[in-house]
N, C-alpha and C. Protein backbone atom coordinates (compact mmCIF):
# COMPACT_ATOMS: atom_id res chain seq x y z
N MET A 1 -12.67 -16.27 19.58
CA MET A 1 -12.32 -14.92 19.95
C MET A 1 -13.55 -14.05 19.79
N SER A 2 -13.90 -13.38 20.83
CA SER A 2 -15.05 -12.50 20.78
C SER A 2 -14.58 -11.06 20.72
N PHE A 3 -15.14 -10.30 19.81
CA PHE A 3 -14.76 -8.90 19.67
C PHE A 3 -16.01 -8.06 19.54
N PRO A 4 -16.29 -7.20 20.50
CA PRO A 4 -17.50 -6.38 20.41
C PRO A 4 -17.34 -5.29 19.36
N GLY A 5 -18.37 -5.09 18.58
CA GLY A 5 -18.31 -4.12 17.50
C GLY A 5 -18.29 -2.68 17.98
N GLN A 6 -18.73 -2.41 19.22
CA GLN A 6 -18.75 -1.03 19.69
C GLN A 6 -17.36 -0.47 19.92
N SER A 7 -16.38 -1.31 20.18
CA SER A 7 -15.05 -0.80 20.49
C SER A 7 -14.17 -0.66 19.24
N LEU A 8 -14.74 -0.81 18.07
CA LEU A 8 -13.98 -0.65 16.83
C LEU A 8 -13.68 0.83 16.61
N GLN A 9 -12.42 1.15 16.44
CA GLN A 9 -12.02 2.53 16.20
C GLN A 9 -11.37 2.60 14.84
N ARG A 10 -11.84 3.52 14.03
CA ARG A 10 -11.29 3.71 12.69
C ARG A 10 -10.29 4.85 12.70
N ALA A 11 -9.11 4.57 12.24
CA ALA A 11 -8.08 5.59 12.14
C ALA A 11 -8.07 6.15 10.72
N TRP A 12 -7.44 7.29 10.55
CA TRP A 12 -7.26 7.91 9.24
C TRP A 12 -5.78 7.87 8.91
N HIS A 13 -5.47 7.41 7.70
CA HIS A 13 -4.09 7.32 7.24
C HIS A 13 -3.91 8.22 6.04
N LEU A 14 -2.85 9.01 6.04
CA LEU A 14 -2.50 9.86 4.91
C LEU A 14 -1.30 9.24 4.23
N VAL A 15 -1.45 8.89 2.95
CA VAL A 15 -0.39 8.21 2.21
C VAL A 15 0.05 9.12 1.07
N ASP A 16 1.35 9.38 1.00
CA ASP A 16 1.90 10.17 -0.10
C ASP A 16 2.37 9.20 -1.19
N ALA A 17 1.78 9.30 -2.37
CA ALA A 17 2.07 8.36 -3.45
C ALA A 17 3.20 8.82 -4.35
N LYS A 18 3.90 9.85 -3.97
CA LYS A 18 4.97 10.39 -4.82
C LYS A 18 6.10 9.37 -4.96
N ASN A 19 6.44 9.05 -6.21
CA ASN A 19 7.53 8.13 -6.57
C ASN A 19 7.33 6.73 -6.01
N GLN A 20 6.09 6.28 -5.83
CA GLN A 20 5.79 4.93 -5.39
C GLN A 20 5.37 4.09 -6.59
N THR A 21 5.71 2.82 -6.58
CA THR A 21 5.28 1.91 -7.62
C THR A 21 3.81 1.56 -7.39
N VAL A 22 3.01 1.57 -8.44
CA VAL A 22 1.56 1.45 -8.33
C VAL A 22 1.15 0.15 -7.64
N GLY A 23 1.64 -0.98 -8.08
CA GLY A 23 1.21 -2.26 -7.54
C GLY A 23 1.59 -2.46 -6.09
N ARG A 24 2.79 -2.07 -5.71
CA ARG A 24 3.24 -2.24 -4.33
C ARG A 24 2.49 -1.30 -3.40
N LEU A 25 2.24 -0.09 -3.86
CA LEU A 25 1.48 0.86 -3.06
C LEU A 25 0.04 0.38 -2.90
N ALA A 26 -0.55 -0.12 -3.97
CA ALA A 26 -1.93 -0.60 -3.91
C ALA A 26 -2.07 -1.80 -2.97
N GLY A 27 -1.08 -2.66 -2.93
CA GLY A 27 -1.13 -3.81 -2.03
C GLY A 27 -1.12 -3.39 -0.57
N GLN A 28 -0.34 -2.38 -0.24
CA GLN A 28 -0.27 -1.92 1.14
C GLN A 28 -1.53 -1.15 1.53
N ILE A 29 -2.08 -0.37 0.60
CA ILE A 29 -3.31 0.37 0.88
C ILE A 29 -4.48 -0.59 1.07
N SER A 30 -4.54 -1.63 0.26
CA SER A 30 -5.66 -2.58 0.38
C SER A 30 -5.63 -3.30 1.73
N GLN A 31 -4.45 -3.56 2.27
CA GLN A 31 -4.36 -4.19 3.59
C GLN A 31 -4.91 -3.28 4.67
N ILE A 32 -4.64 -1.98 4.57
CA ILE A 32 -5.15 -1.02 5.55
C ILE A 32 -6.66 -0.90 5.43
N LEU A 33 -7.18 -0.87 4.20
CA LEU A 33 -8.63 -0.75 3.99
C LEU A 33 -9.38 -1.97 4.54
N LYS A 34 -8.78 -3.16 4.42
CA LYS A 34 -9.43 -4.36 4.94
C LYS A 34 -9.29 -4.49 6.45
N GLY A 35 -8.26 -3.88 7.02
CA GLY A 35 -8.03 -3.97 8.45
C GLY A 35 -7.10 -5.09 8.83
N LYS A 36 -6.33 -5.62 7.89
CA LYS A 36 -5.44 -6.75 8.20
C LYS A 36 -4.24 -6.34 9.03
N HIS A 37 -4.01 -5.05 9.21
CA HIS A 37 -2.91 -4.59 10.03
C HIS A 37 -3.27 -4.57 11.51
N LYS A 38 -4.54 -4.85 11.84
CA LYS A 38 -5.00 -4.84 13.22
C LYS A 38 -5.03 -6.26 13.78
N PRO A 39 -4.78 -6.42 15.07
CA PRO A 39 -4.84 -7.77 15.65
C PRO A 39 -6.26 -8.32 15.77
N THR A 40 -7.26 -7.46 15.61
CA THR A 40 -8.66 -7.88 15.73
C THR A 40 -9.29 -8.16 14.38
N PHE A 41 -8.50 -8.43 13.35
CA PHE A 41 -9.02 -8.63 11.99
C PHE A 41 -9.92 -9.85 11.92
N ARG A 42 -11.02 -9.68 11.23
CA ARG A 42 -11.93 -10.77 10.88
C ARG A 42 -12.26 -10.64 9.41
N PRO A 43 -12.21 -11.72 8.65
CA PRO A 43 -12.48 -11.60 7.21
C PRO A 43 -13.92 -11.30 6.87
N ASN A 44 -14.86 -11.59 7.78
CA ASN A 44 -16.26 -11.36 7.47
C ASN A 44 -16.80 -10.07 8.10
N LYS A 45 -15.96 -9.29 8.73
CA LYS A 45 -16.38 -8.04 9.37
C LYS A 45 -15.62 -6.86 8.76
N ASP A 46 -16.20 -5.70 8.92
CA ASP A 46 -15.59 -4.49 8.41
C ASP A 46 -14.71 -3.90 9.51
N MET A 47 -13.39 -4.09 9.41
CA MET A 47 -12.46 -3.67 10.43
C MET A 47 -11.49 -2.59 9.95
N GLY A 48 -11.57 -2.18 8.70
CA GLY A 48 -10.56 -1.32 8.10
C GLY A 48 -10.63 0.13 8.52
N ASP A 49 -9.63 0.86 8.08
CA ASP A 49 -9.48 2.28 8.37
C ASP A 49 -9.72 3.11 7.11
N HIS A 50 -9.76 4.42 7.30
CA HIS A 50 -9.88 5.36 6.18
C HIS A 50 -8.48 5.64 5.63
N VAL A 51 -8.38 5.77 4.31
CA VAL A 51 -7.10 6.06 3.67
C VAL A 51 -7.28 7.24 2.73
N VAL A 52 -6.44 8.26 2.90
CA VAL A 52 -6.40 9.42 2.03
C VAL A 52 -5.06 9.38 1.30
N VAL A 53 -5.11 9.32 -0.02
CA VAL A 53 -3.90 9.25 -0.84
C VAL A 53 -3.74 10.58 -1.56
N ILE A 54 -2.56 11.18 -1.44
CA ILE A 54 -2.27 12.43 -2.14
C ILE A 54 -1.17 12.19 -3.17
N ASN A 55 -1.03 13.11 -4.09
CA ASN A 55 -0.02 13.06 -5.17
C ASN A 55 -0.17 11.81 -6.03
N ALA A 56 -1.39 11.50 -6.42
CA ALA A 56 -1.62 10.30 -7.24
C ALA A 56 -1.08 10.46 -8.65
N GLU A 57 -0.84 11.68 -9.10
CA GLU A 57 -0.32 11.87 -10.45
C GLU A 57 1.17 11.61 -10.53
N LYS A 58 1.82 11.35 -9.39
CA LYS A 58 3.27 11.13 -9.37
C LYS A 58 3.64 9.68 -9.12
N VAL A 59 2.71 8.74 -9.30
CA VAL A 59 3.03 7.33 -9.13
C VAL A 59 3.87 6.85 -10.30
N GLN A 60 4.53 5.73 -10.11
CA GLN A 60 5.43 5.19 -11.13
C GLN A 60 5.01 3.77 -11.51
N PHE A 61 5.34 3.40 -12.73
CA PHE A 61 5.22 2.02 -13.18
C PHE A 61 6.62 1.51 -13.44
N SER A 62 6.83 0.22 -13.29
CA SER A 62 8.12 -0.37 -13.60
C SER A 62 8.10 -0.89 -15.03
N GLY A 63 9.24 -0.92 -15.64
CA GLY A 63 9.36 -1.46 -16.99
C GLY A 63 8.72 -0.57 -18.03
N LYS A 64 8.10 -1.20 -19.04
CA LYS A 64 7.48 -0.47 -20.15
C LYS A 64 5.98 -0.37 -20.01
N LYS A 65 5.48 -0.37 -18.76
CA LYS A 65 4.04 -0.39 -18.56
C LYS A 65 3.36 0.91 -18.95
N TRP A 66 4.07 2.01 -19.02
CA TRP A 66 3.43 3.27 -19.42
C TRP A 66 2.81 3.14 -20.81
N ASN A 67 3.45 2.39 -21.69
CA ASN A 67 2.92 2.22 -23.05
C ASN A 67 2.19 0.89 -23.23
N ASP A 68 2.61 -0.15 -22.53
CA ASP A 68 2.08 -1.49 -22.78
C ASP A 68 0.81 -1.80 -21.98
N LYS A 69 0.66 -1.23 -20.80
CA LYS A 69 -0.50 -1.55 -19.95
C LYS A 69 -1.74 -0.86 -20.51
N LEU A 70 -2.81 -1.66 -20.69
CA LEU A 70 -4.05 -1.14 -21.24
C LEU A 70 -5.17 -1.27 -20.22
N TYR A 71 -5.95 -0.22 -20.10
CA TYR A 71 -7.16 -0.23 -19.28
C TYR A 71 -8.33 -0.38 -20.22
N ARG A 72 -9.12 -1.46 -20.03
CA ARG A 72 -10.23 -1.76 -20.94
C ARG A 72 -11.55 -1.75 -20.19
N TRP A 73 -12.61 -1.31 -20.88
CA TRP A 73 -13.96 -1.38 -20.36
C TRP A 73 -14.91 -1.43 -21.54
N HIS A 74 -16.12 -1.82 -21.27
CA HIS A 74 -17.11 -2.00 -22.33
C HIS A 74 -18.32 -1.14 -22.02
N SER A 75 -18.84 -0.48 -23.03
CA SER A 75 -19.99 0.41 -22.84
C SER A 75 -21.30 -0.36 -22.73
N GLY A 76 -21.32 -1.60 -23.14
CA GLY A 76 -22.54 -2.39 -23.11
C GLY A 76 -23.22 -2.49 -24.47
N TYR A 77 -22.77 -1.73 -25.41
CA TYR A 77 -23.32 -1.77 -26.76
C TYR A 77 -22.42 -2.59 -27.67
N PRO A 78 -22.94 -3.11 -28.79
CA PRO A 78 -22.10 -3.87 -29.71
C PRO A 78 -20.95 -3.00 -30.24
N GLY A 79 -19.77 -3.54 -30.18
CA GLY A 79 -18.59 -2.79 -30.62
C GLY A 79 -18.17 -1.72 -29.65
N GLY A 80 -18.60 -1.82 -28.41
CA GLY A 80 -18.34 -0.78 -27.43
C GLY A 80 -17.13 -1.01 -26.55
N LEU A 81 -16.18 -1.83 -26.99
CA LEU A 81 -14.97 -2.05 -26.21
C LEU A 81 -14.07 -0.83 -26.34
N LYS A 82 -13.68 -0.26 -25.22
CA LYS A 82 -12.81 0.91 -25.22
C LYS A 82 -11.55 0.57 -24.43
N GLU A 83 -10.46 1.18 -24.81
CA GLU A 83 -9.21 0.94 -24.10
C GLU A 83 -8.34 2.18 -24.15
N ARG A 84 -7.54 2.34 -23.11
CA ARG A 84 -6.59 3.44 -23.00
C ARG A 84 -5.29 2.89 -22.45
N SER A 85 -4.19 3.46 -22.88
CA SER A 85 -2.90 3.08 -22.31
C SER A 85 -2.74 3.79 -20.97
N ALA A 86 -1.76 3.36 -20.19
CA ALA A 86 -1.54 3.96 -18.88
C ALA A 86 -1.12 5.42 -19.02
N ARG A 87 -0.40 5.75 -20.06
CA ARG A 87 0.02 7.14 -20.27
C ARG A 87 -1.18 8.04 -20.53
N ASP A 88 -2.13 7.56 -21.36
CA ASP A 88 -3.33 8.35 -21.62
C ASP A 88 -4.22 8.44 -20.38
N MET A 89 -4.30 7.37 -19.63
CA MET A 89 -5.10 7.37 -18.42
C MET A 89 -4.54 8.36 -17.39
N MET A 90 -3.22 8.45 -17.31
CA MET A 90 -2.59 9.38 -16.39
C MET A 90 -2.87 10.82 -16.80
N ALA A 91 -2.93 11.07 -18.10
CA ALA A 91 -3.21 12.42 -18.57
C ALA A 91 -4.66 12.82 -18.30
N ARG A 92 -5.59 11.86 -18.40
CA ARG A 92 -7.01 12.19 -18.22
C ARG A 92 -7.47 12.09 -16.77
N LYS A 93 -7.23 10.94 -16.15
CA LYS A 93 -7.72 10.69 -14.79
C LYS A 93 -6.62 10.01 -13.98
N PRO A 94 -5.72 10.77 -13.37
CA PRO A 94 -4.61 10.13 -12.62
C PRO A 94 -5.07 9.37 -11.38
N GLU A 95 -6.22 9.73 -10.80
CA GLU A 95 -6.70 9.02 -9.61
C GLU A 95 -7.19 7.62 -9.95
N GLU A 96 -7.69 7.43 -11.16
CA GLU A 96 -8.28 6.15 -11.55
C GLU A 96 -7.25 5.02 -11.64
N ILE A 97 -6.01 5.36 -11.96
CA ILE A 97 -4.97 4.32 -12.05
C ILE A 97 -4.79 3.64 -10.70
N LEU A 98 -4.63 4.45 -9.66
CA LEU A 98 -4.42 3.88 -8.33
C LEU A 98 -5.71 3.26 -7.78
N LYS A 99 -6.85 3.86 -8.09
CA LYS A 99 -8.12 3.32 -7.60
C LYS A 99 -8.39 1.94 -8.20
N LYS A 100 -8.15 1.77 -9.49
CA LYS A 100 -8.36 0.47 -10.14
C LYS A 100 -7.39 -0.57 -9.58
N ALA A 101 -6.16 -0.15 -9.28
CA ALA A 101 -5.19 -1.09 -8.73
C ALA A 101 -5.58 -1.55 -7.32
N VAL A 102 -6.04 -0.62 -6.49
CA VAL A 102 -6.42 -0.97 -5.12
C VAL A 102 -7.67 -1.83 -5.12
N LEU A 103 -8.69 -1.43 -5.86
CA LEU A 103 -9.94 -2.18 -5.86
C LEU A 103 -9.79 -3.53 -6.54
N GLY A 104 -8.80 -3.68 -7.42
CA GLY A 104 -8.55 -4.97 -8.02
C GLY A 104 -7.96 -5.98 -7.05
N MET A 105 -7.44 -5.50 -5.91
CA MET A 105 -6.87 -6.38 -4.91
C MET A 105 -7.87 -6.74 -3.81
N LEU A 106 -9.10 -6.29 -3.94
CA LEU A 106 -10.13 -6.59 -2.95
C LEU A 106 -11.14 -7.55 -3.55
N LYS A 107 -11.73 -8.40 -2.71
CA LYS A 107 -12.77 -9.31 -3.18
C LYS A 107 -14.00 -8.53 -3.58
N ARG A 108 -14.69 -9.02 -4.60
CA ARG A 108 -15.89 -8.36 -5.08
C ARG A 108 -17.10 -8.89 -4.31
N ASN A 109 -17.42 -8.25 -3.21
CA ASN A 109 -18.55 -8.66 -2.40
C ASN A 109 -19.22 -7.42 -1.82
N ASN A 110 -20.28 -7.62 -1.05
CA ASN A 110 -21.01 -6.49 -0.49
C ASN A 110 -20.18 -5.70 0.50
N LEU A 111 -19.28 -6.35 1.19
CA LEU A 111 -18.42 -5.65 2.14
C LEU A 111 -17.55 -4.63 1.42
N ARG A 112 -17.03 -5.01 0.26
CA ARG A 112 -16.22 -4.09 -0.53
C ARG A 112 -17.05 -2.93 -1.05
N HIS A 113 -18.18 -3.22 -1.65
CA HIS A 113 -18.96 -2.19 -2.32
C HIS A 113 -19.60 -1.22 -1.35
N GLN A 114 -20.05 -1.69 -0.19
CA GLN A 114 -20.77 -0.83 0.73
C GLN A 114 -19.85 -0.18 1.76
N SER A 115 -18.77 -0.83 2.15
CA SER A 115 -17.98 -0.33 3.27
C SER A 115 -16.56 0.08 2.90
N ILE A 116 -15.89 -0.71 2.10
CA ILE A 116 -14.46 -0.46 1.88
C ILE A 116 -14.24 0.62 0.83
N GLU A 117 -14.96 0.59 -0.29
CA GLU A 117 -14.76 1.58 -1.34
C GLU A 117 -14.97 3.02 -0.89
N PRO A 118 -15.99 3.32 -0.08
CA PRO A 118 -16.16 4.71 0.33
C PRO A 118 -15.07 5.24 1.25
N ARG A 119 -14.28 4.37 1.87
CA ARG A 119 -13.21 4.82 2.76
C ARG A 119 -11.91 5.13 2.03
N LEU A 120 -11.84 4.89 0.74
CA LEU A 120 -10.65 5.20 -0.05
C LEU A 120 -10.87 6.54 -0.73
N ARG A 121 -9.99 7.48 -0.46
CA ARG A 121 -10.08 8.81 -1.06
C ARG A 121 -8.75 9.13 -1.70
N ILE A 122 -8.77 9.37 -3.02
CA ILE A 122 -7.55 9.60 -3.78
C ILE A 122 -7.62 10.99 -4.40
N TYR A 123 -6.53 11.76 -4.27
CA TYR A 123 -6.44 13.11 -4.82
C TYR A 123 -5.17 13.23 -5.64
N SER A 124 -5.26 13.94 -6.76
CA SER A 124 -4.12 14.02 -7.67
C SER A 124 -3.06 14.99 -7.19
N GLY A 125 -3.39 15.95 -6.39
CA GLY A 125 -2.42 16.91 -5.90
C GLY A 125 -2.13 16.73 -4.42
N PRO A 126 -1.35 17.64 -3.84
CA PRO A 126 -1.03 17.52 -2.41
C PRO A 126 -2.13 18.03 -1.50
N ASP A 127 -3.15 18.68 -2.04
CA ASP A 127 -4.23 19.23 -1.22
C ASP A 127 -5.38 18.24 -1.10
N HIS A 128 -6.00 18.21 0.08
CA HIS A 128 -7.16 17.35 0.32
C HIS A 128 -8.04 18.02 1.36
N PRO A 129 -9.35 17.73 1.35
CA PRO A 129 -10.26 18.37 2.30
C PRO A 129 -10.42 17.65 3.63
N HIS A 130 -9.53 16.72 3.97
CA HIS A 130 -9.69 15.91 5.18
C HIS A 130 -8.71 16.30 6.28
N THR A 131 -8.34 17.57 6.34
CA THR A 131 -7.38 18.00 7.37
C THR A 131 -7.99 17.94 8.77
N ALA A 132 -9.31 18.06 8.88
CA ALA A 132 -9.94 18.00 10.20
C ALA A 132 -9.89 16.59 10.78
N GLN A 133 -9.96 15.56 9.94
CA GLN A 133 -9.94 14.19 10.44
C GLN A 133 -8.54 13.70 10.77
N LEU A 134 -7.52 14.26 10.10
CA LEU A 134 -6.15 13.81 10.28
C LEU A 134 -5.45 14.67 11.33
N PRO A 135 -4.67 14.07 12.22
CA PRO A 135 -3.86 14.86 13.12
C PRO A 135 -2.82 15.64 12.32
N PRO A 136 -2.39 16.81 12.81
CA PRO A 136 -1.41 17.60 12.04
C PRO A 136 -0.08 16.88 11.89
N GLY A 137 0.47 16.96 10.70
CA GLY A 137 1.76 16.32 10.40
C GLY A 137 1.69 14.83 10.24
N THR A 138 0.52 14.27 9.97
CA THR A 138 0.36 12.83 9.86
C THR A 138 0.61 12.36 8.44
N THR A 139 1.53 11.45 8.27
CA THR A 139 1.67 10.69 7.03
C THR A 139 1.98 9.27 7.44
N THR A 140 1.46 8.33 6.69
CA THR A 140 1.70 6.93 7.00
C THR A 140 2.95 6.49 6.24
N PRO A 141 4.06 6.27 6.95
CA PRO A 141 5.25 5.80 6.26
C PRO A 141 5.08 4.32 5.93
N LEU A 142 4.92 4.02 4.68
CA LEU A 142 4.76 2.63 4.28
C LEU A 142 6.11 1.94 4.33
N PRO A 143 6.17 0.71 4.82
CA PRO A 143 7.46 0.04 4.96
C PRO A 143 8.09 -0.27 3.60
N ALA A 144 9.41 -0.33 3.61
CA ALA A 144 10.12 -0.65 2.38
C ALA A 144 9.81 -2.07 1.96
N HIS A 145 9.68 -2.28 0.69
CA HIS A 145 9.38 -3.60 0.17
C HIS A 145 10.67 -4.41 0.15
N PRO A 146 10.63 -5.71 0.47
CA PRO A 146 11.86 -6.51 0.50
C PRO A 146 12.61 -6.53 -0.82
N ARG A 147 11.90 -6.38 -1.93
CA ARG A 147 12.56 -6.42 -3.22
C ARG A 147 12.94 -5.03 -3.71
N SER A 148 12.94 -4.06 -2.82
CA SER A 148 13.28 -2.71 -3.26
C SER A 148 14.76 -2.66 -3.63
N LYS A 149 15.10 -1.70 -4.45
CA LYS A 149 16.47 -1.59 -4.93
C LYS A 149 17.34 -0.79 -3.97
N SER A 150 16.78 -0.40 -2.82
CA SER A 150 17.55 0.42 -1.88
C SER A 150 18.69 -0.38 -1.25
N GLY A 151 18.52 -1.67 -1.06
CA GLY A 151 19.58 -2.50 -0.54
C GLY A 151 19.72 -2.46 0.97
N ASP A 152 18.89 -1.67 1.67
CA ASP A 152 19.03 -1.58 3.11
C ASP A 152 17.94 -2.36 3.85
N PHE A 153 17.21 -3.21 3.15
CA PHE A 153 16.19 -4.01 3.81
C PHE A 153 16.85 -5.25 4.37
N HIS A 154 16.63 -5.57 5.67
CA HIS A 154 17.40 -6.62 6.31
C HIS A 154 16.56 -7.66 7.03
N PHE A 155 15.24 -7.66 6.91
CA PHE A 155 14.35 -8.64 7.53
C PHE A 155 14.54 -8.73 9.04
N GLY A 156 15.07 -7.69 9.68
CA GLY A 156 15.26 -7.70 11.12
C GLY A 156 16.43 -8.53 11.58
N LEU A 157 17.27 -9.00 10.68
CA LEU A 157 18.38 -9.89 11.04
C LEU A 157 19.74 -9.24 10.82
N ARG A 158 19.80 -7.92 10.88
CA ARG A 158 21.06 -7.23 10.61
C ARG A 158 22.12 -7.59 11.64
N GLU A 159 21.74 -7.69 12.92
CA GLU A 159 22.74 -7.95 13.95
C GLU A 159 23.32 -9.35 13.83
N TYR A 160 22.59 -10.28 13.22
CA TYR A 160 23.09 -11.64 13.07
C TYR A 160 23.90 -11.80 11.79
N ASN A 161 23.87 -10.82 10.95
CA ASN A 161 24.54 -10.93 9.66
C ASN A 161 25.79 -10.07 9.63
N SER A 162 26.53 -10.03 10.70
CA SER A 162 27.78 -9.29 10.68
C SER A 162 28.86 -10.19 10.07
N GLN A 163 30.05 -9.70 9.99
CA GLN A 163 31.14 -10.42 9.32
C GLN A 163 31.80 -11.44 10.26
N ARG A 164 31.01 -12.18 10.99
CA ARG A 164 31.54 -13.20 11.89
C ARG A 164 31.60 -14.55 11.20
N THR A 165 32.50 -15.36 11.66
CA THR A 165 32.54 -16.74 11.20
C THR A 165 32.00 -17.61 12.32
N ILE A 166 31.63 -18.82 12.02
CA ILE A 166 31.10 -19.72 13.03
C ILE A 166 32.23 -20.09 13.99
N GLY A 167 31.92 -20.03 15.27
CA GLY A 167 32.93 -20.36 16.27
C GLY A 167 33.63 -19.13 16.81
N THR A 168 33.25 -17.94 16.41
CA THR A 168 33.87 -16.72 16.89
C THR A 168 32.98 -16.09 17.94
N VAL A 169 33.55 -15.72 19.07
CA VAL A 169 32.81 -15.07 20.15
C VAL A 169 33.27 -13.64 20.23
N ARG A 170 32.33 -12.72 20.27
CA ARG A 170 32.67 -11.31 20.33
C ARG A 170 32.35 -10.80 21.72
N SER A 171 33.36 -10.35 22.45
CA SER A 171 33.14 -9.80 23.79
C SER A 171 33.90 -8.49 23.90
N GLY A 172 33.15 -7.41 24.08
CA GLY A 172 33.79 -6.11 24.22
C GLY A 172 34.47 -5.69 22.94
N SER A 173 35.76 -5.31 23.09
CA SER A 173 36.49 -4.82 21.92
C SER A 173 37.34 -5.90 21.27
N ASP A 174 37.56 -7.02 21.96
CA ASP A 174 38.40 -8.06 21.37
C ASP A 174 37.57 -9.22 20.89
N THR A 175 38.07 -9.93 19.92
CA THR A 175 37.40 -11.09 19.36
C THR A 175 38.28 -12.30 19.56
N THR A 176 37.75 -13.32 20.17
CA THR A 176 38.50 -14.55 20.39
C THR A 176 37.76 -15.70 19.78
N THR A 177 38.47 -16.75 19.50
CA THR A 177 37.84 -17.95 18.97
C THR A 177 37.64 -18.94 20.09
N LYS A 178 36.60 -19.76 19.96
CA LYS A 178 36.32 -20.77 20.99
C LYS A 178 37.37 -21.85 20.93
N GLY A 179 37.79 -22.25 22.08
CA GLY A 179 38.78 -23.32 22.17
C GLY A 179 38.11 -24.69 22.26
N THR A 180 38.90 -25.72 22.17
CA THR A 180 38.37 -27.06 22.28
C THR A 180 38.52 -27.61 23.66
């Protein structure tokens, strides 16, 4: 498959992180940054789009992760291991929680460091300076996750999962059974 690099068009996506689970949201954002949602995806080329995330301070964790999840880093000096819980990290830098989750789902290579990381923009509030790049009223509705608790996810098979039994034919308003 040959794909000329001149025809690559980068779109801008606005994602509202309000009441979204961190890991599921990060997985969907990382796919957009890599360009896997496009039919012209190549793993060795930069095909991704720009992503602007708003309301990063309103993300959610499942379970007891607010207290149990620890963010660790080292200063490089002896005894320089530092750690913060997710609750403390949210109070200090709410954008870093989502940024660490998204970048943790990307391979550590030159493509990530030079091309993909600069296209991720995370803001803690609803305001952002990228209104000129985004069409008015644009938000990227992320699809519901199959394991969501909403109960209305149907894998596209809702019409086949009606209350029919095998051997029943539905025509119009009446239902008849197949004869032998």
